[in-house]
Amino acid sequence: MRKYVAKVRKLDVLGFHCPVPVHEARKALNEMEVGQILEVVSDDPESLHDIPALVSRLNIILESVTENSGEFTFTIKNSEDIK
């Protein structure tokens, strides 16, 4: 039996500030298929509010948020057709 492994797309928005991380995340999600994973890496503290707000508006899944040395990694599952 084969397991389906979701394709992960990485989006590096380090050094960019609001609204760029949200805009680029939305653009990437629009290009992705349902079930794919988007991993967004940002160092903008506003992303801690903005990315979860985007996920909520789009009715998709924020699987995790981690912080390491001032860099935030958001793992988002594209669970809806948001195009």
N, C-alpha and C. Protein backbone atom coordinates (compact mmCIF):
# COMPACT_ATOMS: atom_id res chain seq x y z
N MET A 1 0.85 -1.18 0.00
CA MET A 1 0.00 0.00 0.00
C MET A 1 0.89 1.24 0.00
N ARG A 2 0.62 2.17 -0.89
CA ARG A 2 1.41 3.39 -0.99
C ARG A 2 0.75 4.50 -0.18
N LYS A 3 1.59 5.25 0.49
CA LYS A 3 1.10 6.40 1.23
C LYS A 3 1.28 7.64 0.38
N TYR A 4 0.28 8.53 0.43
CA TYR A 4 0.40 9.80 -0.28
C TYR A 4 1.17 10.77 0.62
N VAL A 5 2.23 11.33 0.09
CA VAL A 5 3.01 12.32 0.82
C VAL A 5 2.75 13.68 0.18
N ALA A 6 2.28 14.61 0.99
CA ALA A 6 1.96 15.94 0.47
C ALA A 6 3.23 16.65 0.01
N LYS A 7 3.14 17.29 -1.11
CA LYS A 7 4.25 18.07 -1.63
C LYS A 7 4.38 19.34 -0.79
N VAL A 8 5.60 19.66 -0.38
CA VAL A 8 5.86 20.84 0.43
C VAL A 8 6.51 21.92 -0.43
N ARG A 9 5.93 23.09 -0.39
CA ARG A 9 6.50 24.25 -1.08
C ARG A 9 7.02 25.21 -0.02
N LYS A 10 8.24 25.66 -0.18
CA LYS A 10 8.85 26.58 0.79
C LYS A 10 8.83 28.00 0.25
N LEU A 11 8.46 28.93 1.12
CA LEU A 11 8.40 30.34 0.76
C LEU A 11 9.25 31.12 1.76
N ASP A 12 10.35 31.69 1.30
CA ASP A 12 11.26 32.45 2.15
C ASP A 12 10.97 33.93 1.95
N VAL A 13 10.42 34.57 2.99
CA VAL A 13 10.16 36.01 2.94
C VAL A 13 10.96 36.73 4.03
N LEU A 14 12.11 36.17 4.35
CA LEU A 14 13.00 36.80 5.34
C LEU A 14 13.42 38.18 4.84
N GLY A 15 13.37 39.16 5.73
CA GLY A 15 13.77 40.52 5.38
C GLY A 15 12.64 41.38 4.84
N PHE A 16 11.50 40.78 4.59
CA PHE A 16 10.34 41.53 4.09
C PHE A 16 9.36 41.78 5.23
N HIS A 17 8.69 42.91 5.15
CA HIS A 17 7.72 43.28 6.19
C HIS A 17 6.34 43.40 5.58
N CYS A 18 5.34 43.48 6.45
CA CYS A 18 3.94 43.61 6.07
C CYS A 18 3.78 44.69 5.00
N PRO A 19 3.06 44.37 3.95
CA PRO A 19 2.19 43.23 3.70
C PRO A 19 2.81 42.12 2.85
N VAL A 20 4.12 42.19 2.58
CA VAL A 20 4.75 41.26 1.65
C VAL A 20 4.59 39.79 2.07
N PRO A 21 4.88 39.39 3.32
CA PRO A 21 4.73 37.97 3.65
C PRO A 21 3.32 37.41 3.39
N VAL A 22 2.30 38.16 3.76
CA VAL A 22 0.92 37.71 3.55
C VAL A 22 0.59 37.68 2.06
N HIS A 23 0.99 38.70 1.34
CA HIS A 23 0.72 38.77 -0.10
C HIS A 23 1.38 37.59 -0.82
N GLU A 24 2.63 37.32 -0.50
CA GLU A 24 3.35 36.23 -1.17
C GLU A 24 2.79 34.87 -0.76
N ALA A 25 2.38 34.73 0.50
CA ALA A 25 1.77 33.47 0.94
C ALA A 25 0.46 33.23 0.20
N ARG A 26 -0.34 34.26 0.08
CA ARG A 26 -1.63 34.14 -0.63
C ARG A 26 -1.40 33.76 -2.09
N LYS A 27 -0.41 34.41 -2.71
CA LYS A 27 -0.09 34.12 -4.11
C LYS A 27 0.35 32.66 -4.26
N ALA A 28 1.20 32.20 -3.36
CA ALA A 28 1.67 30.81 -3.43
C ALA A 28 0.52 29.83 -3.22
N LEU A 29 -0.34 30.10 -2.26
CA LEU A 29 -1.48 29.22 -2.00
C LEU A 29 -2.42 29.15 -3.19
N ASN A 30 -2.59 30.26 -3.89
CA ASN A 30 -3.45 30.27 -5.08
C ASN A 30 -2.92 29.36 -6.18
N GLU A 31 -1.60 29.16 -6.20
CA GLU A 31 -0.97 28.33 -7.24
C GLU A 31 -0.91 26.86 -6.85
N MET A 32 -1.24 26.55 -5.60
CA MET A 32 -1.10 25.19 -5.09
C MET A 32 -2.40 24.40 -5.18
N GLU A 33 -2.25 23.08 -5.17
CA GLU A 33 -3.41 22.20 -5.20
C GLU A 33 -3.84 21.88 -3.77
N VAL A 34 -5.09 21.46 -3.64
CA VAL A 34 -5.62 21.03 -2.35
C VAL A 34 -4.75 19.88 -1.83
N GLY A 35 -4.40 19.94 -0.55
CA GLY A 35 -3.59 18.90 0.08
C GLY A 35 -2.11 19.22 0.15
N GLN A 36 -1.67 20.18 -0.64
CA GLN A 36 -0.26 20.55 -0.59
C GLN A 36 0.03 21.40 0.65
N ILE A 37 1.30 21.41 1.03
CA ILE A 37 1.76 22.11 2.22
C ILE A 37 2.61 23.30 1.80
N LEU A 38 2.36 24.45 2.44
CA LEU A 38 3.18 25.64 2.24
C LEU A 38 3.91 25.92 3.54
N GLU A 39 5.22 26.05 3.45
CA GLU A 39 6.03 26.40 4.60
C GLU A 39 6.57 27.81 4.38
N VAL A 40 6.12 28.75 5.20
CA VAL A 40 6.50 30.16 5.08
C VAL A 40 7.50 30.48 6.18
N VAL A 41 8.65 31.05 5.80
CA VAL A 41 9.66 31.47 6.77
C VAL A 41 9.76 32.98 6.71
N SER A 42 9.54 33.62 7.87
CA SER A 42 9.51 35.08 7.96
C SER A 42 10.22 35.53 9.23
N ASP A 43 10.78 36.74 9.20
CA ASP A 43 11.34 37.32 10.42
C ASP A 43 10.57 38.58 10.82
N ASP A 44 9.43 38.81 10.19
CA ASP A 44 8.58 39.95 10.52
C ASP A 44 7.66 39.55 11.68
N PRO A 45 7.81 40.19 12.85
CA PRO A 45 6.96 39.85 13.99
C PRO A 45 5.46 39.99 13.70
N GLU A 46 5.09 40.88 12.79
CA GLU A 46 3.68 41.04 12.42
C GLU A 46 3.12 39.78 11.78
N SER A 47 4.00 38.95 11.23
CA SER A 47 3.56 37.69 10.62
C SER A 47 2.86 36.79 11.63
N LEU A 48 3.23 36.92 12.90
CA LEU A 48 2.60 36.09 13.94
C LEU A 48 1.10 36.36 14.04
N HIS A 49 0.68 37.52 13.64
CA HIS A 49 -0.75 37.85 13.59
C HIS A 49 -1.29 37.68 12.17
N ASP A 50 -0.54 38.18 11.19
CA ASP A 50 -1.04 38.26 9.82
C ASP A 50 -1.23 36.91 9.14
N ILE A 51 -0.28 36.00 9.29
CA ILE A 51 -0.39 34.69 8.62
C ILE A 51 -1.56 33.88 9.21
N PRO A 52 -1.68 33.76 10.54
CA PRO A 52 -2.87 33.06 11.07
C PRO A 52 -4.19 33.71 10.65
N ALA A 53 -4.22 35.04 10.53
CA ALA A 53 -5.44 35.72 10.08
C ALA A 53 -5.76 35.34 8.64
N LEU A 54 -4.74 35.26 7.79
CA LEU A 54 -4.94 34.85 6.39
C LEU A 54 -5.50 33.43 6.34
N VAL A 55 -4.89 32.54 7.10
CA VAL A 55 -5.32 31.14 7.14
C VAL A 55 -6.78 31.04 7.57
N SER A 56 -7.15 31.82 8.57
CA SER A 56 -8.53 31.82 9.05
C SER A 56 -9.49 32.32 7.98
N ARG A 57 -9.13 33.40 7.30
CA ARG A 57 -9.99 33.96 6.24
C ARG A 57 -10.18 32.97 5.10
N LEU A 58 -9.14 32.21 4.78
CA LEU A 58 -9.20 31.27 3.66
C LEU A 58 -9.79 29.92 4.06
N ASN A 59 -10.04 29.73 5.36
CA ASN A 59 -10.60 28.48 5.87
C ASN A 59 -9.71 27.28 5.53
N ILE A 60 -8.40 27.47 5.72
CA ILE A 60 -7.44 26.39 5.51
C ILE A 60 -6.78 26.08 6.85
N ILE A 61 -5.80 25.19 6.87
CA ILE A 61 -5.26 24.68 8.13
C ILE A 61 -3.85 25.20 8.41
N LEU A 62 -3.68 25.82 9.57
CA LEU A 62 -2.35 26.20 10.05
C LEU A 62 -1.88 25.05 10.93
N GLU A 63 -0.99 24.22 10.38
CA GLU A 63 -0.56 23.02 11.10
C GLU A 63 0.39 23.33 12.24
N SER A 64 1.28 24.31 12.04
CA SER A 64 2.21 24.65 13.12
C SER A 64 2.84 26.02 12.89
N VAL A 65 3.29 26.59 14.00
CA VAL A 65 4.08 27.83 13.98
C VAL A 65 5.25 27.59 14.92
N THR A 66 6.46 27.77 14.42
CA THR A 66 7.64 27.62 15.26
C THR A 66 8.49 28.87 15.16
N GLU A 67 9.28 29.10 16.20
CA GLU A 67 10.18 30.26 16.22
C GLU A 67 11.57 29.76 16.57
N ASN A 68 12.56 30.24 15.82
CA ASN A 68 13.94 29.89 16.07
C ASN A 68 14.81 31.09 15.75
N SER A 69 15.41 31.68 16.75
CA SER A 69 16.32 32.82 16.59
C SER A 69 15.69 33.96 15.81
N GLY A 70 14.44 34.26 16.11
CA GLY A 70 13.77 35.38 15.46
C GLY A 70 13.17 35.07 14.10
N GLU A 71 13.26 33.83 13.67
CA GLU A 71 12.63 33.41 12.41
C GLU A 71 11.41 32.56 12.74
N PHE A 72 10.31 32.88 12.08
CA PHE A 72 9.05 32.18 12.30
C PHE A 72 8.76 31.29 11.10
N THR A 73 8.41 30.04 11.37
CA THR A 73 8.06 29.11 10.31
C THR A 73 6.61 28.70 10.49
N PHE A 74 5.83 28.95 9.45
CA PHE A 74 4.40 28.63 9.44
C PHE A 74 4.20 27.47 8.47
N THR A 75 3.60 26.40 8.94
CA THR A 75 3.29 25.26 8.09
C THR A 75 1.78 25.27 7.85
N ILE A 76 1.42 25.45 6.59
CA ILE A 76 0.02 25.65 6.20
C ILE A 76 -0.39 24.54 5.23
N LYS A 77 -1.51 23.90 5.52
CA LYS A 77 -2.05 22.89 4.61
C LYS A 77 -3.17 23.52 3.80
N ASN A 78 -3.00 23.48 2.49
CA ASN A 78 -4.00 24.03 1.58
C ASN A 78 -5.15 23.02 1.48
N SER A 79 -6.12 23.17 2.37
CA SER A 79 -7.20 22.19 2.47
C SER A 79 -8.46 22.57 1.70
N GLU A 80 -8.43 23.71 1.04
CA GLU A 80 -9.58 24.18 0.27
C GLU A 80 -9.11 24.67 -1.09
N ASP A 81 -10.00 24.65 -2.05
CA ASP A 81 -9.70 25.25 -3.35
C ASP A 81 -9.98 26.74 -3.22
N ILE A 82 -8.93 27.55 -3.05
CA ILE A 82 -9.10 28.97 -2.74
C ILE A 82 -8.93 29.87 -3.95
N LYS A 83 -8.85 29.31 -5.12
CA LYS A 83 -8.58 30.12 -6.30
C LYS A 83 -9.69 31.02 -6.64
